[in-house]
Amino acid sequence: MRQNKKHKLVPEDAELFNAMRGNYFSNNERVFFERLQDKEEYEFTVSNDLLLYEGDNEEHIYIVRCEYEEYIVGHGIDGHYDEERHTMCLSDVLRINLKIQGFIKDDITLLQWLRKRDYAGIQYNHNYDDL
């Protein structure tokens, strides 16, 4: 739900957005960071915002944004889901090692995995408050 008043970013995400600006891996990465900064600043969600659906990628990873800047990353499909990881900001969720979390065999962070996919499957219009 779009807000008129700007929500103050947590320091970790403010630093991340500033560090990324002008240093994007691809145009899709630029869109990802710009859209998520906008969402964190102006789009509160009570019902969650689905950014990546597990059925849209071979590894069955999903990403959900909660409230302004909290994120959940999980893994699974069809009633068989692993334990989710809830973080308090984008900076933290992007540093999650997917192998250590038990989601995939590759020893990479969520950010590295997204870059490898060039952000394929990321959705920006699936805030359940607006559906």
Protein backbone atom coordinates (compact mmCIF):
# COMPACT_ATOMS: atom_id res chain seq x y z
CA MET A 1 0.00 0.00 0.00
CA ARG A 2 1.68 3.20 -1.21
CA GLN A 3 2.32 5.78 1.51
CA ASN A 4 2.80 9.52 1.07
CA LYS A 5 5.19 9.85 4.00
CA LYS A 6 8.71 8.52 3.45
CA HIS A 7 9.76 5.72 5.81
CA LYS A 8 13.32 6.13 7.12
CA LEU A 9 15.59 3.35 5.87
CA VAL A 10 17.50 1.28 8.40
CA PRO A 11 21.20 2.28 8.30
CA GLU A 12 22.33 -1.05 6.77
CA ASP A 13 19.97 -0.70 3.81
CA ALA A 14 20.68 3.01 3.35
CA GLU A 15 24.39 2.10 3.08
CA LEU A 16 23.62 -0.79 0.70
CA PHE A 17 21.50 1.35 -1.64
CA ASN A 18 24.16 4.09 -1.66
CA ALA A 19 26.98 1.59 -2.31
CA MET A 20 25.09 -0.06 -5.16
CA ARG A 21 24.12 3.18 -6.92
CA GLY A 22 26.23 3.40 -10.08
CA ASN A 23 27.83 -0.01 -9.47
CA TYR A 24 25.16 -2.32 -10.79
CA PHE A 25 26.00 -5.69 -12.33
CA SER A 26 23.22 -5.28 -14.92
CA ASN A 27 20.19 -3.21 -15.77
CA ASN A 28 18.01 -5.79 -13.99
CA GLU A 29 20.10 -5.33 -10.85
CA ARG A 30 19.60 -1.56 -11.08
CA VAL A 31 15.84 -2.06 -11.33
CA PHE A 32 15.91 -4.49 -8.38
CA PHE A 33 17.69 -2.07 -6.04
CA GLU A 34 15.80 1.00 -7.18
CA ARG A 35 12.42 -0.70 -6.84
CA LEU A 36 13.23 -2.19 -3.44
CA GLN A 37 14.46 1.14 -2.12
CA ASP A 38 11.19 2.70 -3.26
CA LYS A 39 9.22 -0.13 -1.64
CA GLU A 40 11.12 0.21 1.64
CA GLU A 41 10.56 3.94 1.69
CA TYR A 42 6.95 4.18 0.50
CA GLU A 43 5.20 0.79 0.39
CA PHE A 44 4.18 -0.74 3.70
CA THR A 45 2.77 -4.27 3.60
CA VAL A 46 0.73 -6.06 6.25
CA SER A 47 -0.05 -9.10 4.12
CA ASN A 48 3.47 -9.42 2.64
CA ASP A 49 4.98 -8.69 -0.75
CA LEU A 50 6.02 -11.73 -2.80
CA LEU A 51 9.21 -10.85 -4.66
CA LEU A 52 10.12 -14.32 -5.93
CA TYR A 53 7.78 -17.31 -6.17
CA GLU A 54 9.36 -20.73 -5.58
CA GLY A 55 7.63 -22.17 -8.64
CA ASP A 56 9.43 -19.69 -10.89
CA ASN A 57 12.94 -21.10 -10.41
CA GLU A 58 14.57 -24.54 -10.51
CA GLU A 59 15.98 -24.20 -6.98
CA HIS A 60 12.53 -23.40 -5.51
CA ILE A 61 13.78 -20.33 -3.63
CA TYR A 62 11.23 -17.73 -2.56
CA ILE A 63 11.64 -14.21 -1.21
CA VAL A 64 8.99 -12.25 0.65
CA ARG A 65 9.14 -8.68 1.96
CA CYS A 66 7.33 -7.91 5.22
CA GLU A 67 6.26 -4.50 6.55
CA TYR A 68 8.88 -2.08 5.13
CA GLU A 69 12.31 -3.71 5.19
CA GLU A 70 12.03 -7.17 6.71
CA TYR A 71 12.55 -10.16 4.43
CA ILE A 72 11.93 -13.89 4.48
CA VAL A 73 13.82 -16.28 2.23
CA GLY A 74 12.75 -19.87 1.99
CA HIS A 75 12.96 -23.02 -0.06
CA GLY A 76 10.54 -25.75 -1.06
CA ILE A 77 7.46 -26.60 -3.06
CA ASP A 78 4.19 -28.54 -2.91
CA GLY A 79 3.86 -28.85 0.86
CA HIS A 80 7.53 -29.69 1.50
CA TYR A 81 9.26 -26.57 2.76
CA ASP A 82 12.51 -26.08 4.64
CA GLU A 83 12.74 -23.74 7.60
CA GLU A 84 12.58 -20.12 6.47
CA ARG A 85 15.11 -17.44 7.34
CA HIS A 86 13.67 -14.11 8.53
CA THR A 87 15.91 -11.03 8.41
CA MET A 88 15.40 -7.46 9.51
CA CYS A 89 16.70 -5.79 6.33
CA LEU A 90 17.65 -6.34 2.69
CA SER A 91 21.34 -6.11 3.46
CA ASP A 92 21.06 -9.13 5.78
CA VAL A 93 18.93 -11.28 3.47
CA LEU A 94 21.30 -10.78 0.54
CA ARG A 95 24.23 -12.08 2.64
CA ILE A 96 22.55 -15.39 3.47
CA ASN A 97 24.64 -18.32 2.24
CA LEU A 98 22.17 -20.61 0.46
CA LYS A 99 24.32 -23.72 0.95
CA ILE A 100 24.72 -23.16 4.69
CA GLN A 101 20.98 -22.52 4.90
CA GLY A 102 20.47 -25.92 3.23
CA PHE A 103 18.57 -24.56 0.23
CA ILE A 104 21.00 -25.43 -2.59
CA LYS A 105 24.33 -27.22 -3.14
CA ASP A 106 26.22 -24.16 -4.42
CA ASP A 107 28.22 -22.21 -1.84
CA ILE A 108 26.86 -18.75 -2.75
CA THR A 109 24.96 -15.92 -1.13
CA LEU A 110 21.46 -14.90 -2.12
CA LEU A 111 22.93 -11.83 -3.86
CA GLN A 112 25.32 -13.99 -5.90
CA TRP A 113 22.47 -16.36 -6.80
CA LEU A 114 20.26 -13.44 -7.94
CA ARG A 115 23.10 -12.04 -10.03
CA LYS A 116 23.74 -15.45 -11.60
CA ARG A 117 20.08 -15.47 -12.66
CA ASP A 118 20.18 -11.76 -13.56
CA TYR A 119 17.16 -11.36 -11.26
CA ALA A 120 14.91 -13.60 -13.39
CA GLY A 121 11.53 -14.15 -11.79
CA ILE A 122 11.64 -11.14 -9.46
CA GLN A 123 8.19 -9.52 -9.21
CA TYR A 124 7.49 -5.96 -8.16
CA ASN A 125 3.70 -6.01 -8.33
CA HIS A 126 2.73 -8.78 -5.90
CA ASN A 127 2.03 -6.94 -2.66
CA TYR A 128 -0.86 -8.94 -1.22
CA ASP A 129 -2.30 -5.75 0.33
CA ASP A 130 -3.00 -4.50 -3.20
CA LEU A 131 -4.31 -7.71 -4.78
